[in-house]
PDB file of N, CA and C in Angstrom:
ATOM      1  N   MET A   1     120.905  92.192 106.887  1.00  0.00           N
ATOM      2  CA  MET A   1     122.090  92.370 107.707  1.00  0.00           C
ATOM      3  C   MET A   1     123.054  91.233 107.418  1.00  0.00           C
ATOM      4  N   ARG A   2     124.214  91.536 106.999  1.00  0.00           N
ATOM      5  CA  ARG A   2     125.247  90.535 106.715  1.00  0.00           C
ATOM      6  C   ARG A   2     126.014  90.257 108.003  1.00  0.00           C
ATOM      7  N   PRO A   3     126.089  88.990 108.432  1.00  0.00           N
ATOM      8  CA  PRO A   3     126.795  88.697 109.685  1.00  0.00           C
ATOM      9  C   PRO A   3     128.285  88.948 109.564  1.00  0.00           C
ATOM     10  N   SER A   4     128.858  89.480 110.625  1.00  0.00           N
ATOM     11  CA  SER A   4     130.308  89.661 110.633  1.00  0.00           C
ATOM     12  C   SER A   4     130.972  88.374 111.101  1.00  0.00           C
ATOM     13  N   ALA A   5     132.216  88.210 110.734  1.00  0.00           N
ATOM     14  CA  ALA A   5     132.930  86.966 111.033  1.00  0.00           C
ATOM     15  C   ALA A   5     133.125  86.760 112.531  1.00  0.00           C
ATOM     16  N   HIS A   6     133.084  87.823 113.319  1.00  0.00           N
ATOM     17  CA  HIS A   6     133.350  87.697 114.752  1.00  0.00           C
ATOM     18  C   HIS A   6     132.105  87.978 115.611  1.00  0.00           C
ATOM     19  N   ASP A   7     130.945  87.964 115.021  1.00  0.00           N
ATOM     20  CA  ASP A   7     129.706  88.186 115.772  1.00  0.00           C
ATOM     21  C   ASP A   7     129.424  86.939 116.607  1.00  0.00           C
ATOM     22  N   ASP A   8     129.337  87.085 117.937  1.00  0.00           N
ATOM     23  CA  ASP A   8     129.148  85.922 118.806  1.00  0.00           C
ATOM     24  C   ASP A   8     127.700  85.429 118.850  1.00  0.00           C
ATOM     25  N   ARG A   9     126.823  85.996 118.005  1.00  0.00           N
ATOM     26  CA  ARG A   9     125.448  85.502 117.906  1.00  0.00           C
ATOM     27  C   ARG A   9     125.249  84.704 116.612  1.00  0.00           C
ATOM     28  N   ILE A  10     126.296  84.569 115.812  1.00  0.00           N
ATOM     29  CA  ILE A  10     126.240  83.875 114.530  1.00  0.00           C
ATOM     30  C   ILE A  10     127.059  82.597 114.620  1.00  0.00           C
ATOM     31  N   TRP A  11     126.441  81.480 114.219  1.00  0.00           N
ATOM     32  CA  TRP A  11     127.096  80.179 114.264  1.00  0.00           C
ATOM     33  C   TRP A  11     126.972  79.491 112.911  1.00  0.00           C
ATOM     34  N   THR A  12     127.998  78.761 112.517  1.00  0.00           N
ATOM     35  CA  THR A  12     127.861  77.846 111.380  1.00  0.00           C
ATOM     36  C   THR A  12     127.160  76.598 111.904  1.00  0.00           C
ATOM     37  N   VAL A  13     126.663  75.765 111.024  1.00  0.00           N
ATOM     38  CA  VAL A  13     126.032  74.517 111.451  1.00  0.00           C
ATOM     39  C   VAL A  13     127.050  73.676 112.237  1.00  0.00           C
ATOM     40  N   ALA A  14     128.255  73.563 111.703  1.00  0.00           N
ATOM     41  CA  ALA A  14     129.283  72.765 112.378  1.00  0.00           C
ATOM     42  C   ALA A  14     129.600  73.332 113.763  1.00  0.00           C
ATOM     43  N   GLY A  15     129.738  74.650 113.856  1.00  0.00           N
ATOM     44  CA  GLY A  15     130.021  75.285 115.136  1.00  0.00           C
ATOM     45  C   GLY A  15     128.890  75.096 116.136  1.00  0.00           C
ATOM     46  N   ALA A  16     127.651  75.211 115.660  1.00  0.00           N
ATOM     47  CA  ALA A  16     126.497  75.021 116.537  1.00  0.00           C
ATOM     48  C   ALA A  16     126.409  73.580 117.028  1.00  0.00           C
ATOM     49  N   LYS A  17     126.727  72.622 116.146  1.00  0.00           N
ATOM     50  CA  LYS A  17     126.724  71.205 116.563  1.00  0.00           C
ATOM     51  C   LYS A  17     127.771  70.969 117.647  1.00  0.00           C
ATOM     52  N   ALA A  18     128.950  71.530 117.434  1.00  0.00           N
ATOM     53  CA  ALA A  18     130.054  71.307 118.357  1.00  0.00           C
ATOM     54  C   ALA A  18     129.818  71.967 119.712  1.00  0.00           C
ATOM     55  N   LYS A  19     129.049  73.050 119.726  1.00  0.00           N
ATOM     56  CA  LYS A  19     128.850  73.799 120.971  1.00  0.00           C
ATOM     57  C   LYS A  19     127.360  74.046 121.227  1.00  0.00           C
ATOM     58  N   LEU A  20     126.550  73.019 121.029  1.00  0.00           N
ATOM     59  CA  LEU A  20     125.108  73.163 121.172  1.00  0.00           C
ATOM     60  C   LEU A  20     124.704  73.692 122.546  1.00  0.00           C
ATOM     61  N   SER A  21     125.345  73.210 123.598  1.00  0.00           N
ATOM     62  CA  SER A  21     125.022  73.691 124.944  1.00  0.00           C
ATOM     63  C   SER A  21     125.246  75.200 125.067  1.00  0.00           C
ATOM     64  N   GLU A  22     126.307  75.679 124.463  1.00  0.00           N
ATOM     65  CA  GLU A  22     126.594  77.116 124.506  1.00  0.00           C
ATOM     66  C   GLU A  22     125.580  77.905 123.678  1.00  0.00           C
ATOM     67  N   VAL A  23     125.190  77.382 122.524  1.00  0.00           N
ATOM     68  CA  VAL A  23     124.176  78.026 121.690  1.00  0.00           C
ATOM     69  C   VAL A  23     122.888  78.163 122.502  1.00  0.00           C
ATOM     70  N   ILE A  24     122.484  77.082 123.161  1.00  0.00           N
ATOM     71  CA  ILE A  24     121.251  77.090 123.961  1.00  0.00           C
ATOM     72  C   ILE A  24     121.372  78.082 125.109  1.00  0.00           C
ATOM     73  N   GLU A  25     122.492  78.073 125.797  1.00  0.00           N
ATOM     74  CA  GLU A  25     122.695  78.980 126.929  1.00  0.00           C
ATOM     75  C   GLU A  25     122.614  80.441 126.483  1.00  0.00           C
ATOM     76  N   ARG A  26     123.266  80.781 125.395  1.00  0.00           N
ATOM     77  CA  ARG A  26     123.248  82.156 124.889  1.00  0.00           C
ATOM     78  C   ARG A  26     121.854  82.549 124.394  1.00  0.00           C
ATOM     79  N   ALA A  27     121.122  81.588 123.836  1.00  0.00           N
ATOM     80  CA  ALA A  27     119.780  81.875 123.312  1.00  0.00           C
ATOM     81  C   ALA A  27     118.803  82.237 124.429  1.00  0.00           C
ATOM     82  N   GLN A  28     119.147  81.937 125.665  1.00  0.00           N
ATOM     83  CA  GLN A  28     118.281  82.325 126.772  1.00  0.00           C
ATOM     84  C   GLN A  28     118.189  83.838 126.923  1.00  0.00           C
ATOM     85  N   SER A  29     119.215  84.543 126.456  1.00  0.00           N
ATOM     86  CA  SER A  29     119.202  86.006 126.594  1.00  0.00           C
ATOM     87  C   SER A  29     119.150  86.749 125.259  1.00  0.00           C
ATOM     88  N   VAL A  30     119.685  86.150 124.198  1.00  0.00           N
ATOM     89  CA  VAL A  30     119.675  86.825 122.892  1.00  0.00           C
ATOM     90  C   VAL A  30     119.572  85.772 121.783  1.00  0.00           C
ATOM     91  N   PRO A  31     118.733  86.001 120.773  1.00  0.00           N
ATOM     92  CA  PRO A  31     118.612  85.016 119.686  1.00  0.00           C
ATOM     93  C   PRO A  31     119.956  84.692 119.040  1.00  0.00           C
ATOM     94  N   GLN A  32     120.118  83.420 118.669  1.00  0.00           N
ATOM     95  CA  GLN A  32     121.339  82.937 118.030  1.00  0.00           C
ATOM     96  C   GLN A  32     121.012  82.484 116.619  1.00  0.00           C
ATOM     97  N   THR A  33     121.777  82.952 115.645  1.00  0.00           N
ATOM     98  CA  THR A  33     121.542  82.624 114.239  1.00  0.00           C
ATOM     99  C   THR A  33     122.505  81.531 113.807  1.00  0.00           C
ATOM    100  N   ILE A  34     121.966  80.526 113.134  1.00  0.00           N
ATOM    101  CA  ILE A  34     122.797  79.457 112.575  1.00  0.00           C
ATOM    102  C   ILE A  34     122.761  79.619 111.060  1.00  0.00           C
ATOM    103  N   THR A  35     123.953  79.653 110.469  1.00  0.00           N
ATOM    104  CA  THR A  35     124.062  79.854 109.024  1.00  0.00           C
ATOM    105  C   THR A  35     124.357  78.552 108.320  1.00  0.00           C
ATOM    106  N   ARG A  36     123.946  78.495 107.059  1.00  0.00           N
ATOM    107  CA  ARG A  36     124.259  77.369 106.188  1.00  0.00           C
ATOM    108  C   ARG A  36     124.753  77.977 104.882  1.00  0.00           C
ATOM    109  N   ASN A  37     125.915  77.550 104.437  1.00  0.00           N
ATOM    110  CA  ASN A  37     126.537  78.098 103.221  1.00  0.00           C
ATOM    111  C   ASN A  37     126.660  79.609 103.285  1.00  0.00           C
ATOM    112  N   GLY A  38     126.963  80.128 104.479  1.00  0.00           N
ATOM    113  CA  GLY A  38     127.189  81.556 104.654  1.00  0.00           C
ATOM    114  C   GLY A  38     125.944  82.413 104.746  1.00  0.00           C
ATOM    115  N   LYS A  39     124.757  81.791 104.690  1.00  0.00           N
ATOM    116  CA  LYS A  39     123.505  82.551 104.744  1.00  0.00           C
ATOM    117  C   LYS A  39     122.715  82.144 105.985  1.00  0.00           C
ATOM    118  N   PRO A  40     122.054  83.119 106.650  1.00  0.00           N
ATOM    119  CA  PRO A  40     121.228  82.766 107.807  1.00  0.00           C
ATOM    120  C   PRO A  40     120.207  81.697 107.444  1.00  0.00           C
ATOM    121  N   SER A  41     120.113  80.655 108.274  1.00  0.00           N
ATOM    122  CA  SER A  41     119.213  79.545 107.996  1.00  0.00           C
ATOM    123  C   SER A  41     118.124  79.431 109.070  1.00  0.00           C
ATOM    124  N   VAL A  42     118.535  79.464 110.347  1.00  0.00           N
ATOM    125  CA  VAL A  42     117.576  79.376 111.441  1.00  0.00           C
ATOM    126  C   VAL A  42     118.012  80.291 112.579  1.00  0.00           C
ATOM    127  N   VAL A  43     117.050  80.597 113.446  1.00  0.00           N
ATOM    128  CA  VAL A  43     117.342  81.384 114.643  1.00  0.00           C
ATOM    129  C   VAL A  43     116.879  80.578 115.842  1.00  0.00           C
ATOM    130  N   VAL A  44     117.752  80.461 116.828  1.00  0.00           N
ATOM    131  CA  VAL A  44     117.428  79.749 118.062  1.00  0.00           C
ATOM    132  C   VAL A  44     117.081  80.800 119.110  1.00  0.00           C
ATOM    133  N   VAL A  45     115.885  80.657 119.697  1.00  0.00           N
ATOM    134  CA  VAL A  45     115.445  81.578 120.753  1.00  0.00           C
ATOM    135  C   VAL A  45     115.023  80.765 121.964  1.00  0.00           C
ATOM    136  N   SER A  46     114.929  81.413 123.103  1.00  0.00           N
ATOM    137  CA  SER A  46     114.477  80.725 124.312  1.00  0.00           C
ATOM    138  C   SER A  46     113.008  80.338 124.167  1.00  0.00           C
ATOM    139  N   ALA A  47     112.605  79.334 124.933  1.00  0.00           N
ATOM    140  CA  ALA A  47     111.202  78.910 124.921  1.00  0.00           C
ATOM    141  C   ALA A  47     110.305  80.058 125.369  1.00  0.00           C
ATOM    142  N   GLU A  48     110.760  80.843 126.311  1.00  0.00           N
ATOM    143  CA  GLU A  48     109.987  82.009 126.789  1.00  0.00           C
ATOM    144  C   GLU A  48     109.767  83.017 125.666  1.00  0.00           C
ATOM    145  N   GLU A  49     110.819  83.312 124.908  1.00  0.00           N
ATOM    146  CA  GLU A  49     110.693  84.248 123.781  1.00  0.00           C
ATOM    147  C   GLU A  49     109.761  83.683 122.713  1.00  0.00           C
ATOM    148  N   TRP A  50     109.858  82.392 122.420  1.00  0.00           N
ATOM    149  CA  TRP A  50     108.993  81.756 121.419  1.00  0.00           C
ATOM    150  C   TRP A  50     107.530  81.865 121.850  1.00  0.00           C
ATOM    151  N   GLN A  51     107.247  81.573 123.109  1.00  0.00           N
ATOM    152  CA  GLN A  51     105.877  81.679 123.616  1.00  0.00           C
ATOM    153  C   GLN A  51     105.356  83.103 123.502  1.00  0.00           C
ATOM    154  N   ARG A  52     106.204  84.058 123.823  1.00  0.00           N
ATOM    155  CA  ARG A  52     105.805  85.467 123.753  1.00  0.00           C
ATOM    156  C   ARG A  52     105.469  85.874 122.322  1.00  0.00           C
ATOM    157  N   LYS A  53     106.295  85.426 121.369  1.00  0.00           N
ATOM    158  CA  LYS A  53     106.111  85.794 119.961  1.00  0.00           C
ATOM    159  C   LYS A  53     104.923  85.092 119.316  1.00  0.00           C
ATOM    160  N   THR A  54     104.584  83.884 119.787  1.00  0.00           N
ATOM    161  CA  THR A  54     103.532  83.112 119.130  1.00  0.00           C
ATOM    162  C   THR A  54     102.208  83.113 119.888  1.00  0.00           C
ATOM    163  N   ALA A  55     102.154  83.804 121.025  1.00  0.00           N
ATOM    164  CA  ALA A  55     100.927  83.820 121.820  1.00  0.00           C
ATOM    165  C   ALA A  55      99.807  84.531 121.062  1.00  0.00           C
ATOM    166  N   ARG A  56      98.631  83.948 121.133  1.00  0.00           N
ATOM    167  CA  ARG A  56      97.450  84.569 120.507  1.00  0.00           C
ATOM    168  C   ARG A  56      97.114  85.848 121.260  1.00  0.00           C
ATOM    169  N   LYS A  57      96.851  86.871 120.503  1.00  0.00           N
ATOM    170  CA  LYS A  57      96.544  88.173 121.099  1.00  0.00           C
ATOM    171  C   LYS A  57      95.111  88.548 120.773  1.00  0.00           C
ATOM    172  N   GLY A  58      94.164  87.902 121.442  1.00  0.00           N
ATOM    173  CA  GLY A  58      92.763  88.192 121.220  1.00  0.00           C
ATOM    174  C   GLY A  58      92.148  87.267 120.188  1.00  0.00           C
ATOM    175  N   SER A  59      90.853  87.422 119.999  1.00  0.00           N
ATOM    176  CA  SER A  59      90.113  86.588 119.062  1.00  0.00           C
ATOM    177  C   SER A  59      90.042  87.252 117.698  1.00  0.00           C
ATOM    178  N   LEU A  60      89.601  86.506 116.700  1.00  0.00           N
ATOM    179  CA  LEU A  60      89.400  87.075 115.372  1.00  0.00           C
ATOM    180  C   LEU A  60      88.367  88.188 115.418  1.00  0.00           C
ATOM    181  N   ALA A  61      87.316  87.994 116.191  1.00  0.00           N
ATOM    182  CA  ALA A  61      86.285  89.030 116.310  1.00  0.00           C
ATOM    183  C   ALA A  61      86.862  90.322 116.865  1.00  0.00           C
ATOM    184  N   GLU A  62      87.731  90.211 117.880  1.00  0.00           N
ATOM    185  CA  GLU A  62      88.372  91.404 118.455  1.00  0.00           C
ATOM    186  C   GLU A  62      89.275  92.080 117.430  1.00  0.00           C
ATOM    187  N   PHE A  63      89.990  91.282 116.667  1.00  0.00           N
ATOM    188  CA  PHE A  63      90.867  91.821 115.623  1.00  0.00           C
ATOM    189  C   PHE A  63      90.051  92.624 114.605  1.00  0.00           C
ATOM    190  N   LEU A  64      88.944  92.027 114.158  1.00  0.00           N
ATOM    191  CA  LEU A  64      88.106  92.702 113.168  1.00  0.00           C
ATOM    192  C   LEU A  64      87.452  93.952 113.742  1.00  0.00           C
ATOM    193  N   MET A  65      87.031  93.895 114.989  1.00  0.00           N
ATOM    194  CA  MET A  65      86.407  95.066 115.629  1.00  0.00           C
ATOM    195  C   MET A  65      87.410  96.206 115.796  1.00  0.00           C
ATOM    196  N   ASP A  66      88.675  95.883 115.983  1.00  0.00           N
ATOM    197  CA  ASP A  66      89.722  96.899 116.174  1.00  0.00           C
ATOM    198  C   ASP A  66      90.331  97.369 114.861  1.00  0.00           C
ATOM    199  N   SER A  67      89.885  96.827 113.744  1.00  0.00           N
ATOM    200  CA  SER A  67      90.473  97.164 112.447  1.00  0.00           C
ATOM    201  C   SER A  67      90.313  98.649 112.129  1.00  0.00           C
ATOM    202  N   PRO A  68      91.366  99.256 111.585  1.00  0.00           N
ATOM    203  CA  PRO A  68      91.242 100.653 111.179  1.00  0.00           C
ATOM    204  C   PRO A  68      90.279 100.828 109.997  1.00  0.00           C
ATOM    205  N   LEU A  69      89.919  99.739 109.331  1.00  0.00           N
ATOM    206  CA  LEU A  69      88.975  99.813 108.211  1.00  0.00           C
ATOM    207  C   LEU A  69      87.526  99.742 108.678  1.00  0.00           C
ATOM    208  N   ARG A  70      87.324  99.464 109.957  1.00  0.00           N
ATOM    209  CA  ARG A  70      85.960  99.387 110.484  1.00  0.00           C
ATOM    210  C   ARG A  70      85.285 100.739 110.292  1.00  0.00           C
ATOM    211  N   GLY A  71      84.109 100.705 109.693  1.00  0.00           N
ATOM    212  CA  GLY A  71      83.369 101.948 109.467  1.00  0.00           C
ATOM    213  C   GLY A  71      83.836 102.706 108.244  1.00  0.00           C
ATOM    214  N   ALA A  72      84.683 102.104 107.413  1.00  0.00           N
ATOM    215  CA  ALA A  72      85.219 102.794 106.233  1.00  0.00           C
ATOM    216  C   ALA A  72      84.248 102.743 105.064  1.00  0.00           C
ATOM    217  N   GLY A  73      83.130 102.044 105.232  1.00  0.00           N
ATOM    218  CA  GLY A  73      82.127 101.990 104.173  1.00  0.00           C
ATOM    219  C   GLY A  73      82.505 101.094 103.012  1.00  0.00           C
ATOM    220  N   LEU A  74      83.277 100.066 103.275  1.00  0.00           N
ATOM    221  CA  LEU A  74      83.651  99.129 102.219  1.00  0.00           C
ATOM    222  C   LEU A  74      82.424  98.330 101.765  1.00  0.00           C
ATOM    223  N   ASP A  75      82.307  98.098 100.477  1.00  0.00           N
ATOM    224  CA  ASP A  75      81.222  97.288  99.931  1.00  0.00           C
ATOM    225  C   ASP A  75      81.688  95.840  99.888  1.00  0.00           C
ATOM    226  N   LEU A  76      81.198  95.051 100.817  1.00  0.00           N
ATOM    227  CA  LEU A  76      81.646  93.669 100.931  1.00  0.00           C
ATOM    228  C   LEU A  76      80.561  92.667 100.528  1.00  0.00           C
ATOM    229  N   ASP A  77      79.581  93.119  99.763  1.00  0.00           N
ATOM    230  CA  ASP A  77      78.529  92.212  99.303  1.00  0.00           C
ATOM    231  C   ASP A  77      79.115  91.178  98.361  1.00  0.00           C
ATOM    232  N   ARG A  78      78.670  89.944  98.523  1.00  0.00           N
ATOM    233  CA  ARG A  78      79.153  88.840  97.688  1.00  0.00           C
ATOM    234  C   ARG A  78      78.409  88.849  96.356  1.00  0.00           C
ATOM    235  N   GLU A  79      79.152  88.580  95.295  1.00  0.00           N
ATOM    236  CA  GLU A  79      78.545  88.465  93.974  1.00  0.00           C
ATOM    237  C   GLU A  79      77.669  87.225  93.938  1.00  0.00           C
ATOM    238  N   ARG A  80      76.535  87.316  93.292  1.00  0.00           N
ATOM    239  CA  ARG A  80      75.590  86.190  93.218  1.00  0.00           C
ATOM    240  C   ARG A  80      75.544  85.604  91.804  1.00  0.00           C
ATOM    241  N   ASP A  81      76.664  85.575  91.128  1.00  0.00           N
ATOM    242  CA  ASP A  81      76.739  85.032  89.775  1.00  0.00           C
ATOM    243  C   ASP A  81      76.436  83.529  89.793  1.00  0.00           C
ATOM    244  N   GLU A  82      75.996  83.046  88.640  1.00  0.00           N
ATOM    245  CA  GLU A  82      75.777  81.609  88.470  1.00  0.00           C
ATOM    246  C   GLU A  82      77.140  80.917  88.394  1.00  0.00           C
ATOM    247  N   PRO A  83      77.223  79.671  88.854  1.00  0.00           N
ATOM    248  CA  PRO A  83      78.496  78.959  88.727  1.00  0.00           C
ATOM    249  C   PRO A  83      78.833  78.740  87.240  1.00  0.00           C
ATOM    250  N   ARG A  84      80.090  78.743  86.941  1.00  0.00           N
ATOM    251  CA  ARG A  84      80.499  78.553  85.552  1.00  0.00           C
ATOM    252  C   ARG A  84      80.711  77.071  85.259  1.00  0.00           C
ATOM    253  N   ASP A  85      80.511  76.702  84.017  1.00  0.00           N
ATOM    254  CA  ASP A  85      80.724  75.323  83.584  1.00  0.00           C
ATOM    255  C   ASP A  85      82.213  75.088  83.384  1.00  0.00           C
ATOM    256  N   LEU A  86      82.693  74.005  83.927  1.00  0.00           N
ATOM    257  CA  LEU A  86      84.108  73.649  83.789  1.00  0.00           C
ATOM    258  C   LEU A  86      84.197  72.385  82.932  1.00  0.00           C
ATOM    259  N   PRO A  87      85.197  72.323  82.061  1.00  0.00           N
ATOM    260  CA  PRO A  87      85.373  71.119  81.240  1.00  0.00           C
ATOM    261  C   PRO A  87      85.758  69.930  82.135  1.00  0.00           C
ATOM    262  N   LEU A  88      85.268  68.784  81.738  1.00  0.00           N
ATOM    263  CA  LEU A  88      85.586  67.564  82.526  1.00  0.00           C
ATOM    264  C   LEU A  88      86.826  66.921  82.085  1.00  0.00           C
TER     265      LEU A  88
END
């Protein structure tokens, strides 16, 4: 998505520095993108949104048990080859 020149969610680095309080305030309700050299560089989101996006959703065991590949009959036996000699 190419940002439009008048999109109020897109900031240049200079603009974000000059109006950091406003960037933070707006990020409470909608992510704010900061561009560098005309390209999106970072996105500022609220702490609540960050926590929601990064929260662990169950354990690894639960993830594996819920896998659509569970029971697919995959052969996961490890090869028992001898270690190879590496030059020193």
